[in-house]
Amino acid sequence: MDLGISGLASGFDWRSLVDQLTTVERSPQTLLQRQQASLNSVNSAYGTVKGYLTTLQTRVDKLNDATLFASRTVSSSDATVATAAADAGASLAKYTIAIGQLATTSTQQGGTNVGSALNSTSNVSALVLSNAAFATPVTAGTFTVNGKQITVATTDTLQGVFDSISTATAGVVTGSYDPVADKISLVSAGTVTLGSAVDTSNFLSVAKLNNNGTGTVTSSQALGTVKTTTALASANFSTTVSDGGSGSGSFKINGVAISFSATGDSAATVLARINNSAAGVTATYDSVNDRFLLTNKSTGDLGIALEDVTGNFLAASQITTGTLSRGKNL
């Protein structure tokens, strides 16, 4: 602790004098520190200049390399279709490559209408919409026939929908179902006009009913499809799927065995099993055309070997009775 009292008796501020003398004594040191800081700044600037010069020298050395101007690079406008490489000294040019065809994959297209009809008879009073094997589930809401709104719920029966159409149009439009053609028809003495911008149910599109300017509108395609998430034995196949009765059905694709259970597996499960196997194909179900497809994962004109071993999955799904759309080699 500093207890000194400067100039208490004499009035002379000797402490301030000492501080000033000390500052004078330190002047050379302060000057040297300033000079050192200046030299450090100059040194940093020289380092920066040296870096620039080194970069310049590197680039000059590359320019002096005799192979530089002989080197070539190639770019493709679509690297997914074609890539290229160029040797040193190749002529500078732009080339256009005409590709006659790309390699494609072979597809085994199963028979269409593999699913059974919506109903076995024309009596659809017990066919509940939510249980019907439409390609797309019916949504609840409203749809329009001849300017009249019809309200539909998924718990309604198909006959209930026909009755609602008749009631809303005062009997002008009637509906029916043909189990042989597996189609719905709406009939009127005059023109049947379907749909409006405010419809909230997809019933008309699910039933494949489209305006044609006449008094009879019929589904454009058969309506029944396979229920891909239901057990195979009850999935609405036109030919009942069997696993031989043991629950251990099996078939082969390109020699790879795929197992299935008619009561324990759905079509979606079997398709996933095929896709995850070493069979080299992708299996899908086309609900619009009601058919199964197998597509080779490799491109080229390759076939697909099919064999039911135990049970009849391939036959019931009509894959074996379909046609092979051959792939193309590059």
Protein backbone atom coordinates (compact mmCIF):
# COMPACT_ATOMS: atom_id res chain seq x y z
CA MET A 1 0.00 0.00 0.00
CA ASP A 2 1.39 3.43 -1.03
CA LEU A 3 1.19 5.80 2.02
CA GLY A 4 3.36 8.63 0.61
CA ILE A 5 1.90 12.15 0.80
CA SER A 6 3.28 14.43 -1.91
CA GLY A 7 4.09 18.09 -0.78
CA LEU A 8 2.10 17.96 2.41
CA ALA A 9 4.42 20.42 4.27
CA SER A 10 6.30 22.16 1.46
CA GLY A 11 3.54 22.35 -1.08
CA PHE A 12 5.91 20.87 -3.66
CA ASP A 13 4.35 18.04 -5.83
CA TRP A 14 7.40 15.85 -6.02
CA ARG A 15 5.37 12.75 -7.03
CA SER A 16 4.24 14.37 -10.28
CA LEU A 17 7.86 15.38 -10.93
CA VAL A 18 9.00 11.77 -10.49
CA ASP A 19 6.32 10.53 -12.88
CA GLN A 20 7.39 13.02 -15.51
CA LEU A 21 11.07 12.12 -15.13
CA THR A 22 10.16 8.42 -15.46
CA THR A 23 8.25 9.12 -18.65
CA VAL A 24 11.24 10.96 -20.07
CA GLU A 25 13.50 8.03 -19.14
CA ARG A 26 11.15 5.63 -20.97
CA SER A 27 11.00 7.67 -24.18
CA PRO A 28 13.67 5.59 -25.98
CA GLN A 29 11.82 2.38 -25.07
CA THR A 30 8.51 3.75 -26.32
CA LEU A 31 10.17 4.83 -29.57
CA LEU A 32 11.63 1.35 -30.05
CA GLN A 33 8.21 -0.26 -29.46
CA ARG A 34 6.65 1.99 -32.10
CA GLN A 35 9.45 1.15 -34.52
CA GLN A 36 8.97 -2.57 -33.80
CA ALA A 37 5.23 -2.32 -34.53
CA SER A 38 5.98 -0.52 -37.79
CA LEU A 39 8.53 -3.18 -38.80
CA ASN A 40 6.05 -5.96 -38.00
CA SER A 41 3.48 -4.26 -40.24
CA VAL A 42 6.02 -3.97 -43.06
CA ASN A 43 7.01 -7.61 -42.56
CA SER A 44 3.35 -8.69 -42.82
CA ALA A 45 2.95 -6.71 -46.03
CA TYR A 46 6.06 -8.36 -47.47
CA GLY A 47 4.59 -11.76 -46.55
CA THR A 48 1.38 -10.95 -48.41
CA VAL A 49 3.30 -9.79 -51.46
CA LYS A 50 5.40 -12.96 -51.31
CA GLY A 51 2.22 -15.05 -51.31
CA TYR A 52 0.90 -13.24 -54.38
CA LEU A 53 4.23 -13.65 -56.14
CA THR A 54 4.32 -17.38 -55.32
CA THR A 55 0.82 -17.81 -56.80
CA LEU A 56 1.85 -15.85 -59.86
CA GLN A 57 4.99 -17.96 -60.24
CA THR A 58 2.95 -21.18 -60.00
CA ARG A 59 0.61 -19.99 -62.74
CA VAL A 60 3.46 -18.84 -64.93
CA ASP A 61 5.12 -22.26 -64.51
CA LYS A 62 1.89 -23.91 -65.68
CA LEU A 63 1.75 -21.60 -68.68
CA ASN A 64 5.33 -22.60 -69.51
CA ASP A 65 4.39 -26.30 -69.36
CA ALA A 66 4.39 -27.57 -72.96
CA THR A 67 1.58 -30.02 -72.24
CA LEU A 68 -0.87 -27.38 -70.97
CA PHE A 69 -2.17 -26.25 -74.34
CA ALA A 70 -2.33 -29.82 -75.57
CA SER A 71 -4.56 -30.97 -72.70
CA ARG A 72 -8.28 -31.39 -73.32
CA THR A 73 -11.43 -31.56 -71.23
CA VAL A 74 -14.87 -32.76 -72.35
CA SER A 75 -18.32 -31.82 -71.08
CA SER A 76 -21.63 -33.47 -71.94
CA SER A 77 -24.96 -31.67 -72.17
CA ASP A 78 -26.55 -34.72 -70.50
CA ALA A 79 -24.13 -36.87 -68.54
CA THR A 80 -26.90 -39.36 -67.79
CA VAL A 81 -27.01 -40.25 -71.49
CA ALA A 82 -23.36 -39.96 -72.59
CA THR A 83 -19.93 -39.13 -71.18
CA ALA A 84 -16.64 -38.75 -73.04
CA ALA A 85 -12.88 -38.36 -72.60
CA ALA A 86 -10.29 -36.67 -74.81
CA ASP A 87 -6.62 -37.45 -75.34
CA ALA A 88 -4.03 -34.66 -75.24
CA GLY A 89 -3.78 -32.80 -78.49
CA ALA A 90 -7.26 -33.73 -79.73
CA SER A 91 -8.79 -31.20 -82.12
CA LEU A 92 -10.91 -28.52 -80.52
CA ALA A 93 -14.53 -28.97 -81.60
CA LYS A 94 -18.13 -29.35 -80.58
CA TYR A 95 -19.63 -32.72 -81.38
CA THR A 96 -23.28 -33.76 -81.62
CA ILE A 97 -24.00 -37.39 -80.86
CA ALA A 98 -27.17 -38.89 -82.32
CA ILE A 99 -28.38 -41.82 -80.21
CA GLY A 100 -30.61 -44.14 -82.17
CA GLN A 101 -32.04 -45.82 -79.07
CA LEU A 102 -31.38 -46.26 -75.39
CA ALA A 103 -31.39 -49.61 -73.68
CA THR A 104 -34.76 -50.39 -72.11
CA THR A 105 -36.03 -53.05 -69.75
CA SER A 106 -38.23 -56.04 -70.50
CA THR A 107 -41.64 -56.17 -68.81
CA GLN A 108 -43.87 -59.17 -68.26
CA GLN A 109 -47.38 -57.74 -68.45
CA GLY A 110 -49.94 -59.90 -66.72
CA GLY A 111 -53.43 -60.36 -68.10
CA THR A 112 -55.92 -57.56 -67.47
CA ASN A 113 -59.01 -57.87 -65.28
CA VAL A 114 -57.24 -60.26 -62.93
CA GLY A 115 -59.68 -59.21 -60.22
CA SER A 116 -63.19 -60.58 -59.95
CA ALA A 117 -66.28 -58.45 -60.62
CA LEU A 118 -67.62 -56.17 -57.90
CA ASN A 119 -70.56 -58.49 -57.36
CA SER A 120 -71.63 -61.87 -58.67
CA THR A 121 -75.20 -60.73 -59.40
CA SER A 122 -77.01 -57.54 -60.37
CA ASN A 123 -78.44 -57.36 -56.87
CA VAL A 124 -76.06 -54.95 -55.13
CA SER A 125 -78.26 -54.19 -52.13
CA ALA A 126 -75.69 -55.81 -49.83
CA LEU A 127 -72.55 -54.43 -51.53
CA VAL A 128 -71.25 -51.76 -49.14
CA LEU A 129 -69.09 -49.15 -50.87
CA SER A 130 -66.25 -49.39 -48.35
CA ASN A 131 -66.01 -53.15 -49.00
CA ALA A 132 -66.34 -52.99 -52.78
CA ALA A 133 -63.21 -53.85 -54.76
CA PHE A 134 -62.97 -50.56 -56.65
CA ALA A 135 -59.52 -49.52 -57.88
CA THR A 136 -59.82 -46.42 -55.67
CA PRO A 137 -61.89 -46.23 -52.46
CA VAL A 138 -65.06 -44.16 -52.68
CA THR A 139 -64.95 -41.00 -50.59
CA ALA A 140 -67.95 -39.61 -48.74
CA GLY A 141 -69.49 -36.37 -49.97
CA THR A 142 -71.69 -35.25 -52.83
CA PHE A 143 -71.77 -35.73 -56.59
CA THR A 144 -74.10 -34.34 -59.21
CA VAL A 145 -76.41 -36.02 -61.71
CA ASN A 146 -78.52 -33.85 -64.04
CA GLY A 147 -77.91 -30.85 -61.80
CA LYS A 148 -79.10 -32.65 -58.66
CA GLN A 149 -76.75 -33.31 -55.74
CA ILE A 150 -76.56 -36.82 -54.34
CA THR A 151 -75.01 -37.38 -50.92
CA VAL A 152 -73.04 -40.57 -50.47
CA ALA A 153 -71.44 -42.21 -47.42
CA THR A 154 -68.90 -45.02 -47.46
CA THR A 155 -71.36 -47.12 -45.44
CA ASP A 156 -73.97 -46.89 -48.22
CA THR A 157 -74.61 -49.85 -50.48
CA LEU A 158 -74.28 -49.52 -54.23
CA GLN A 159 -78.05 -50.04 -54.52
CA GLY A 160 -78.51 -47.28 -51.96
CA VAL A 161 -76.56 -44.95 -54.28
CA PHE A 162 -78.78 -45.94 -57.22
CA ASP A 163 -81.86 -45.22 -55.10
CA SER A 164 -80.48 -41.80 -54.09
CA ILE A 165 -79.87 -40.93 -57.76
CA SER A 166 -83.42 -41.91 -58.67
CA THR A 167 -84.89 -39.94 -55.76
CA ALA A 168 -82.82 -36.81 -56.43
CA THR A 169 -83.77 -36.78 -60.13
CA ALA A 170 -87.43 -37.69 -59.48
CA GLY A 171 -86.98 -41.01 -61.26
CA VAL A 172 -85.55 -39.45 -64.42
CA VAL A 173 -82.18 -41.21 -64.02
CA THR A 174 -81.90 -44.81 -62.84
CA GLY A 175 -78.82 -46.87 -62.04
CA SER A 176 -78.00 -50.55 -62.40
CA TYR A 177 -75.05 -52.95 -62.22
CA ASP A 178 -74.14 -55.59 -64.83
CA PRO A 179 -72.15 -58.46 -63.19
CA VAL A 180 -71.08 -59.92 -66.55
CA ALA A 181 -69.53 -56.72 -67.87
CA ASP A 182 -68.72 -55.61 -64.30
CA LYS A 183 -69.99 -52.12 -65.09
CA ILE A 184 -72.44 -49.54 -63.76
CA SER A 185 -74.96 -47.85 -66.04
CA LEU A 186 -77.01 -44.69 -65.55
CA VAL A 187 -79.98 -44.45 -67.90
CA SER A 188 -82.44 -41.65 -68.72
CA ALA A 189 -84.96 -40.84 -71.42
CA GLY A 190 -82.99 -37.66 -72.02
CA THR A 191 -79.30 -36.78 -71.80
CA VAL A 192 -77.50 -37.80 -68.63
CA THR A 193 -75.24 -35.01 -67.38
CA LEU A 194 -72.71 -35.87 -64.67
CA GLY A 195 -70.65 -33.84 -62.21
CA SER A 196 -70.22 -30.24 -61.13
CA ALA A 197 -67.44 -28.01 -59.85
CA VAL A 198 -68.66 -28.38 -56.27
CA ASP A 199 -68.68 -32.19 -56.09
CA THR A 200 -66.85 -33.52 -53.04
CA SER A 201 -67.20 -37.28 -53.56
CA ASN A 202 -65.20 -39.19 -56.15
CA PHE A 203 -67.96 -41.72 -56.81
CA LEU A 204 -68.35 -40.85 -60.51
CA SER A 205 -64.63 -41.17 -61.26
CA VAL A 206 -64.32 -44.36 -59.20
CA ALA A 207 -67.27 -45.82 -61.10
CA LYS A 208 -65.57 -44.66 -64.35
CA LEU A 209 -68.69 -42.82 -65.46
CA ASN A 210 -68.09 -40.01 -67.97
CA ASN A 211 -70.38 -37.71 -69.92
CA ASN A 212 -71.05 -38.83 -73.50
CA GLY A 213 -74.01 -36.64 -74.48
CA THR A 214 -76.51 -39.51 -74.54
CA GLY A 215 -79.14 -40.98 -72.26
CA THR A 216 -76.98 -43.96 -71.27
CA VAL A 217 -73.68 -43.64 -69.44
CA THR A 218 -71.78 -46.86 -68.70
CA SER A 219 -68.49 -47.45 -66.89
CA SER A 220 -65.62 -47.16 -69.34
CA GLN A 221 -63.90 -50.26 -67.89
CA ALA A 222 -64.62 -53.23 -65.67
CA LEU A 223 -64.70 -52.08 -62.05
CA GLY A 224 -63.59 -55.00 -59.89
CA THR A 225 -59.91 -55.10 -58.92
CA VAL A 226 -57.63 -57.01 -56.58
CA LYS A 227 -57.63 -55.86 -52.95
CA THR A 228 -53.88 -55.64 -52.51
CA THR A 229 -53.94 -55.25 -48.72
CA THR A 230 -56.32 -58.15 -48.05
CA ALA A 231 -55.21 -61.77 -47.57
CA LEU A 232 -54.67 -63.39 -50.97
CA ALA A 233 -57.41 -66.01 -50.58
CA SER A 234 -60.04 -63.29 -50.11
CA ALA A 235 -58.49 -60.50 -52.19
CA ASN A 236 -61.09 -60.68 -55.01
CA PHE A 237 -58.91 -62.56 -57.51
CA SER A 238 -61.01 -63.96 -60.35
CA THR A 239 -59.13 -67.22 -59.76
CA THR A 240 -58.80 -67.98 -56.06
CA VAL A 241 -55.16 -67.99 -54.91
CA SER A 242 -54.07 -71.27 -53.33
CA ASP A 243 -50.87 -72.13 -51.50
CA GLY A 244 -51.48 -75.86 -51.76
CA GLY A 245 -53.31 -75.92 -48.45
CA SER A 246 -50.17 -75.92 -46.34
CA GLY A 247 -49.66 -72.19 -45.97
CA SER A 248 -46.29 -72.65 -47.66
CA GLY A 249 -46.90 -71.68 -51.25
CA SER A 250 -43.94 -71.02 -53.50
CA PHE A 251 -43.10 -69.82 -56.99
CA LYS A 252 -39.90 -68.94 -58.82
CA ILE A 253 -38.90 -65.85 -60.76
CA ASN A 254 -35.62 -66.17 -62.65
CA GLY A 255 -34.89 -69.22 -60.54
CA VAL A 256 -35.31 -67.39 -57.22
CA ALA A 257 -37.91 -68.95 -54.89
CA ILE A 258 -40.57 -66.67 -53.39
CA SER A 259 -42.76 -68.02 -50.60
CA PHE A 260 -46.33 -66.99 -49.75
CA SER A 261 -49.32 -67.91 -47.63
CA ALA A 262 -52.80 -67.57 -49.14
CA THR A 263 -54.31 -66.71 -45.77
CA GLY A 264 -51.39 -64.89 -44.16
CA ASP A 265 -50.02 -62.71 -46.95
CA SER A 266 -51.54 -59.93 -49.04
CA ALA A 267 -50.65 -59.15 -52.64
CA ALA A 268 -48.76 -56.07 -51.43
CA THR A 269 -46.68 -58.28 -49.12
CA VAL A 270 -45.81 -60.71 -51.91
CA LEU A 271 -44.87 -57.87 -54.29
CA ALA A 272 -42.55 -56.41 -51.66
CA ARG A 273 -41.01 -59.85 -51.13
CA ILE A 274 -40.32 -60.13 -54.86
CA ASN A 275 -38.81 -56.64 -55.02
CA ASN A 276 -36.51 -57.34 -52.06
CA SER A 277 -35.35 -60.69 -53.46
CA ALA A 278 -32.46 -61.53 -55.79
CA ALA A 279 -34.88 -62.22 -58.68
CA GLY A 280 -33.75 -59.04 -60.44
CA VAL A 281 -37.23 -57.73 -61.17
CA THR A 282 -39.57 -55.05 -59.87
CA ALA A 283 -43.14 -56.26 -59.26
CA THR A 284 -46.08 -53.84 -59.33
CA TYR A 285 -49.86 -53.88 -59.55
CA ASP A 286 -51.65 -51.60 -62.03
CA SER A 287 -55.06 -50.91 -60.48
CA VAL A 288 -56.27 -48.95 -63.52
CA ASN A 289 -55.88 -51.93 -65.86
CA ASP A 290 -56.22 -54.47 -63.04
CA ARG A 291 -53.03 -56.38 -63.82
CA PHE A 292 -49.67 -57.35 -62.34
CA LEU A 293 -46.35 -56.47 -63.97
CA LEU A 294 -42.78 -57.69 -63.60
CA THR A 295 -40.03 -55.40 -64.93
CA ASN A 296 -36.39 -56.45 -65.22
CA LYS A 297 -34.01 -54.29 -63.21
CA SER A 298 -31.35 -54.78 -65.90
CA THR A 299 -31.77 -53.22 -69.33
CA GLY A 300 -31.62 -55.14 -72.59
CA ASP A 301 -33.55 -57.80 -74.46
CA LEU A 302 -33.87 -60.18 -71.51
CA GLY A 303 -36.64 -62.60 -70.69
CA ILE A 304 -38.19 -63.40 -67.30
CA ALA A 305 -38.40 -67.03 -66.17
CA LEU A 306 -41.59 -67.91 -64.24
CA GLU A 307 -42.66 -71.08 -62.47
CA ASP A 308 -45.39 -71.96 -59.96
CA VAL A 309 -43.90 -74.51 -57.53
CA THR A 310 -46.49 -74.94 -54.79
CA GLY A 311 -49.85 -73.27 -55.23
CA ASN A 312 -50.94 -71.03 -58.09
CA PHE A 313 -49.95 -67.43 -57.34
CA LEU A 314 -48.42 -66.77 -60.77
CA ALA A 315 -51.35 -68.38 -62.60
CA ALA A 316 -54.01 -66.69 -60.44
CA SER A 317 -52.35 -63.31 -60.92
CA GLN A 318 -52.24 -64.06 -64.68
CA ILE A 319 -48.55 -63.17 -64.83
CA THR A 320 -47.67 -66.41 -66.62
CA THR A 321 -50.48 -65.93 -69.16
CA GLY A 322 -49.47 -62.35 -69.93
CA THR A 323 -47.14 -61.08 -72.60
CA LEU A 324 -43.47 -60.11 -72.52
CA SER A 325 -42.70 -56.62 -73.75
CA ARG A 326 -39.09 -57.10 -74.82
CA GLY A 327 -36.44 -54.62 -73.82
CA LYS A 328 -33.94 -53.06 -76.23
CA ASN A 329 -30.20 -53.38 -76.20
CA LEU A 330 -28.14 -50.21 -76.42
